Amino acid sequence: MKVTRNSPGTAQGPSGWFTGAAYIDSLAAPSGPSRLNASSVHFTPGARTAWHTHPNGQTICVTEGVGRAQGRGGPIEVIRPGDRVFFEPGEDHWHGAAPDRFMTHLSLVEVDDKGNSATWGAHVSDEEYAPSPKIEGA
């Protein structure tokens, strides 16, 4: 058993990865045989990731607020606390906060054999972000 004590150090999300302000708290980093990278990501209203892929897929679990998520070519989905989204390995996608709400999610990914967890692409434009999202049950 290994206990890692909580340490200060919320990091601002890199501008190449995000539009708007996002903050990352590391929860688990790959170590030894474990390939798990886990983070809590906090998005300010309207903040979102750039388009990106993960070599082994990604699971996000919304813990608070209201967000949006989209796979390339699919509808924009509204995501709320308790919702879980799985992005397939290599699936081009983005996720972030709704325009008028904060959103926090847990991000769970496995790194590849070279330690890579994501490949980052272009920023999601305002035109891509703006369309009305699909609302489940509507």
C-alpha atoms as a PDB file:
ATOM      1  CA  MET A   1       0.000   0.000   0.000  1.00  0.00           C
ATOM      2  CA  LYS A   2       1.174   3.510  -0.807  1.00  0.00           C
ATOM      3  CA  VAL A   3      -0.451   6.634   0.610  1.00  0.00           C
ATOM      4  CA  THR A   4       0.103   9.838  -1.331  1.00  0.00           C
ATOM      5  CA  ARG A   5      -0.690  12.875   0.739  1.00  0.00           C
ATOM      6  CA  ASN A   6      -2.748  15.661  -0.757  1.00  0.00           C
ATOM      7  CA  SER A   7      -0.488  18.406  -2.000  1.00  0.00           C
ATOM      8  CA  PRO A   8      -1.354  21.883  -3.171  1.00  0.00           C
ATOM      9  CA  GLY A   9      -0.970  22.641  -6.797  1.00  0.00           C
ATOM     10  CA  THR A  10      -4.018  23.068  -8.947  1.00  0.00           C
ATOM     11  CA  ALA A  11      -2.594  23.707 -12.411  1.00  0.00           C
ATOM     12  CA  GLN A  12      -4.113  25.956 -15.043  1.00  0.00           C
ATOM     13  CA  GLY A  13      -4.910  23.968 -18.160  1.00  0.00           C
ATOM     14  CA  PRO A  14      -2.460  24.673 -20.999  1.00  0.00           C
ATOM     15  CA  SER A  15      -3.733  27.166 -23.584  1.00  0.00           C
ATOM     16  CA  GLY A  16      -2.981  24.672 -26.349  1.00  0.00           C
ATOM     17  CA  TRP A  17      -5.429  22.219 -24.819  1.00  0.00           C
ATOM     18  CA  PHE A  18      -8.262  24.552 -23.732  1.00  0.00           C
ATOM     19  CA  THR A  19     -10.342  27.526 -24.833  1.00  0.00           C
ATOM     20  CA  GLY A  20     -11.215  29.582 -21.759  1.00  0.00           C
ATOM     21  CA  ALA A  21     -10.076  28.900 -18.215  1.00  0.00           C
ATOM     22  CA  ALA A  22      -9.786  25.311 -17.025  1.00  0.00           C
ATOM     23  CA  TYR A  23      -7.974  23.980 -13.973  1.00  0.00           C
ATOM     24  CA  ILE A  24      -6.554  20.507 -13.370  1.00  0.00           C
ATOM     25  CA  ASP A  25      -6.014  18.608 -10.114  1.00  0.00           C
ATOM     26  CA  SER A  26      -3.981  15.434 -10.601  1.00  0.00           C
ATOM     27  CA  LEU A  27      -5.473  12.417  -8.817  1.00  0.00           C
ATOM     28  CA  ALA A  28      -3.304   9.567 -10.139  1.00  0.00           C
ATOM     29  CA  ALA A  29      -0.284   9.406 -12.405  1.00  0.00           C
ATOM     30  CA  PRO A  30       1.138   6.362 -14.183  1.00  0.00           C
ATOM     31  CA  SER A  31       3.672   4.622 -11.957  1.00  0.00           C
ATOM     32  CA  GLY A  32       5.261   1.189 -12.201  1.00  0.00           C
ATOM     33  CA  PRO A  33       2.870  -1.190 -13.943  1.00  0.00           C
ATOM     34  CA  SER A  34      -0.120   1.172 -13.554  1.00  0.00           C
ATOM     35  CA  ARG A  35      -0.998   3.098 -16.727  1.00  0.00           C
ATOM     36  CA  LEU A  36      -3.813   5.109 -15.100  1.00  0.00           C
ATOM     37  CA  ASN A  37      -3.854   8.884 -15.373  1.00  0.00           C
ATOM     38  CA  ALA A  38      -6.741  10.442 -13.437  1.00  0.00           C
ATOM     39  CA  SER A  39      -7.555  14.121 -13.003  1.00  0.00           C
ATOM     40  CA  SER A  40     -10.311  16.370 -11.760  1.00  0.00           C
ATOM     41  CA  VAL A  41     -10.837  19.084 -14.365  1.00  0.00           C
ATOM     42  CA  HIS A  42     -12.689  22.304 -13.504  1.00  0.00           C
ATOM     43  CA  PHE A  43     -14.105  24.361 -16.389  1.00  0.00           C
ATOM     44  CA  THR A  44     -15.330  27.955 -16.118  1.00  0.00           C
ATOM     45  CA  PRO A  45     -18.482  28.836 -18.113  1.00  0.00           C
ATOM     46  CA  GLY A  46     -17.832  28.384 -21.840  1.00  0.00           C
ATOM     47  CA  ALA A  47     -14.408  26.778 -21.331  1.00  0.00           C
ATOM     48  CA  ARG A  48     -13.746  23.622 -23.317  1.00  0.00           C
ATOM     49  CA  THR A  49     -11.018  21.321 -24.506  1.00  0.00           C
ATOM     50  CA  ALA A  50      -9.550  21.426 -27.983  1.00  0.00           C
ATOM     51  CA  TRP A  51     -10.360  18.524 -30.292  1.00  0.00           C
ATOM     52  CA  HIS A  52      -8.320  15.547 -29.123  1.00  0.00           C
ATOM     53  CA  THR A  53      -7.995  11.762 -29.080  1.00  0.00           C
ATOM     54  CA  HIS A  54      -6.754   9.212 -26.546  1.00  0.00           C
ATOM     55  CA  PRO A  55      -4.829   6.082 -27.557  1.00  0.00           C
ATOM     56  CA  ASN A  56      -6.749   3.910 -25.077  1.00  0.00           C
ATOM     57  CA  GLY A  57      -9.978   5.899 -24.861  1.00  0.00           C
ATOM     58  CA  GLN A  58     -11.214   8.171 -22.081  1.00  0.00           C
ATOM     59  CA  THR A  59     -13.956   8.063 -19.480  1.00  0.00           C
ATOM     60  CA  ILE A  60     -15.224  11.294 -17.970  1.00  0.00           C
ATOM     61  CA  CYS A  61     -17.632  11.455 -15.034  1.00  0.00           C
ATOM     62  CA  VAL A  62     -19.345  14.773 -14.338  1.00  0.00           C
ATOM     63  CA  THR A  63     -19.236  15.639 -10.635  1.00  0.00           C
ATOM     64  CA  GLU A  64     -20.825  19.107 -10.674  1.00  0.00           C
ATOM     65  CA  GLY A  65     -22.286  21.717 -12.962  1.00  0.00           C
ATOM     66  CA  VAL A  66     -23.485  21.358 -16.540  1.00  0.00           C
ATOM     67  CA  GLY A  67     -21.313  20.602 -19.517  1.00  0.00           C
ATOM     68  CA  ARG A  68     -21.215  19.647 -23.153  1.00  0.00           C
ATOM     69  CA  ALA A  69     -19.456  16.851 -25.019  1.00  0.00           C
ATOM     70  CA  GLN A  70     -19.208  15.944 -28.682  1.00  0.00           C
ATOM     71  CA  GLY A  71     -17.572  13.276 -30.805  1.00  0.00           C
ATOM     72  CA  ARG A  72     -16.523  14.406 -34.278  1.00  0.00           C
ATOM     73  CA  GLY A  73     -19.571  14.312 -36.563  1.00  0.00           C
ATOM     74  CA  GLY A  74     -22.033  13.599 -33.745  1.00  0.00           C
ATOM     75  CA  PRO A  75     -24.466  15.787 -31.831  1.00  0.00           C
ATOM     76  CA  ILE A  76     -23.424  18.008 -28.941  1.00  0.00           C
ATOM     77  CA  GLU A  77     -24.665  16.326 -25.753  1.00  0.00           C
ATOM     78  CA  VAL A  78     -25.557  18.062 -22.482  1.00  0.00           C
ATOM     79  CA  ILE A  79     -23.831  16.313 -19.556  1.00  0.00           C
ATOM     80  CA  ARG A  80     -24.760  16.652 -15.879  1.00  0.00           C
ATOM     81  CA  PRO A  81     -23.588  15.340 -12.481  1.00  0.00           C
ATOM     82  CA  GLY A  82     -23.473  11.548 -12.466  1.00  0.00           C
ATOM     83  CA  ASP A  83     -23.298  11.291 -16.263  1.00  0.00           C
ATOM     84  CA  ARG A  84     -20.417   9.225 -17.608  1.00  0.00           C
ATOM     85  CA  VAL A  85     -19.085   9.528 -21.127  1.00  0.00           C
ATOM     86  CA  PHE A  86     -16.736   7.034 -22.782  1.00  0.00           C
ATOM     87  CA  PHE A  87     -14.772   8.131 -25.827  1.00  0.00           C
ATOM     88  CA  GLU A  88     -13.425   5.225 -27.893  1.00  0.00           C
ATOM     89  CA  PRO A  89      -9.679   4.905 -28.520  1.00  0.00           C
ATOM     90  CA  GLY A  90      -8.775   7.335 -31.311  1.00  0.00           C
ATOM     91  CA  GLU A  91     -12.200   9.047 -31.272  1.00  0.00           C
ATOM     92  CA  ASP A  92     -11.804  12.767 -32.018  1.00  0.00           C
ATOM     93  CA  HIS A  93     -13.833  14.685 -29.412  1.00  0.00           C
ATOM     94  CA  TRP A  94     -14.097  17.649 -27.043  1.00  0.00           C
ATOM     95  CA  HIS A  95     -15.828  18.395 -23.735  1.00  0.00           C
ATOM     96  CA  GLY A  96     -16.300  21.391 -21.476  1.00  0.00           C
ATOM     97  CA  ALA A  97     -18.686  23.629 -19.573  1.00  0.00           C
ATOM     98  CA  ALA A  98     -22.021  24.966 -20.777  1.00  0.00           C
ATOM     99  CA  PRO A  99     -21.926  28.662 -21.788  1.00  0.00           C
ATOM    100  CA  ASP A 100     -23.479  29.826 -18.519  1.00  0.00           C
ATOM    101  CA  ARG A 101     -22.408  27.136 -16.016  1.00  0.00           C
ATOM    102  CA  PHE A 102     -19.267  25.816 -14.364  1.00  0.00           C
ATOM    103  CA  MET A 103     -18.560  22.098 -14.827  1.00  0.00           C
ATOM    104  CA  THR A 104     -16.194  19.661 -13.155  1.00  0.00           C
ATOM    105  CA  HIS A 105     -15.469  16.141 -14.316  1.00  0.00           C
ATOM    106  CA  LEU A 106     -13.131  13.312 -13.462  1.00  0.00           C
ATOM    107  CA  SER A 107     -10.972  12.240 -16.396  1.00  0.00           C
ATOM    108  CA  LEU A 108      -9.737   8.641 -16.508  1.00  0.00           C
ATOM    109  CA  VAL A 109      -7.294   7.551 -19.214  1.00  0.00           C
ATOM    110  CA  GLU A 110      -4.612   4.922 -19.668  1.00  0.00           C
ATOM    111  CA  VAL A 111      -1.351   6.020 -21.238  1.00  0.00           C
ATOM    112  CA  ASP A 112       0.128   4.101 -24.154  1.00  0.00           C
ATOM    113  CA  ASP A 113       3.445   2.225 -24.105  1.00  0.00           C
ATOM    114  CA  LYS A 114       5.324   5.522 -24.597  1.00  0.00           C
ATOM    115  CA  GLY A 115       3.488   7.308 -21.753  1.00  0.00           C
ATOM    116  CA  ASN A 116       1.201   9.363 -24.038  1.00  0.00           C
ATOM    117  CA  SER A 117      -2.341   9.994 -22.843  1.00  0.00           C
ATOM    118  CA  ALA A 118      -3.671  12.303 -25.581  1.00  0.00           C
ATOM    119  CA  THR A 119      -3.042  13.814 -28.991  1.00  0.00           C
ATOM    120  CA  TRP A 120      -4.239  17.414 -29.169  1.00  0.00           C
ATOM    121  CA  GLY A 121      -5.730  19.075 -32.253  1.00  0.00           C
ATOM    122  CA  ALA A 122      -7.322  22.378 -33.183  1.00  0.00           C
ATOM    123  CA  HIS A 123      -9.343  24.465 -30.771  1.00  0.00           C
ATOM    124  CA  VAL A 124     -13.121  24.058 -30.917  1.00  0.00           C
ATOM    125  CA  SER A 125     -14.343  27.191 -32.665  1.00  0.00           C
ATOM    126  CA  ASP A 126     -17.183  29.325 -31.347  1.00  0.00           C
ATOM    127  CA  GLU A 127     -19.235  28.157 -34.365  1.00  0.00           C
ATOM    128  CA  GLU A 128     -18.645  24.487 -33.468  1.00  0.00           C
ATOM    129  CA  TYR A 129     -19.467  25.134 -29.794  1.00  0.00           C
ATOM    130  CA  ALA A 130     -22.553  27.342 -30.344  1.00  0.00           C
ATOM    131  CA  PRO A 131     -25.201  24.995 -31.821  1.00  0.00           C
ATOM    132  CA  SER A 132     -28.006  23.922 -29.513  1.00  0.00           C
ATOM    133  CA  PRO A 133     -27.026  20.617 -27.910  1.00  0.00           C
ATOM    134  CA  LYS A 134     -29.047  17.435 -27.895  1.00  0.00           C
ATOM    135  CA  ILE A 135     -31.018  17.262 -24.627  1.00  0.00           C
ATOM    136  CA  GLU A 136     -31.875  13.735 -23.500  1.00  0.00           C
ATOM    137  CA  GLY A 137     -35.613  13.220 -23.038  1.00  0.00           C
ATOM    138  CA  ALA A 138     -36.597  16.351 -24.952  1.00  0.00           C
END
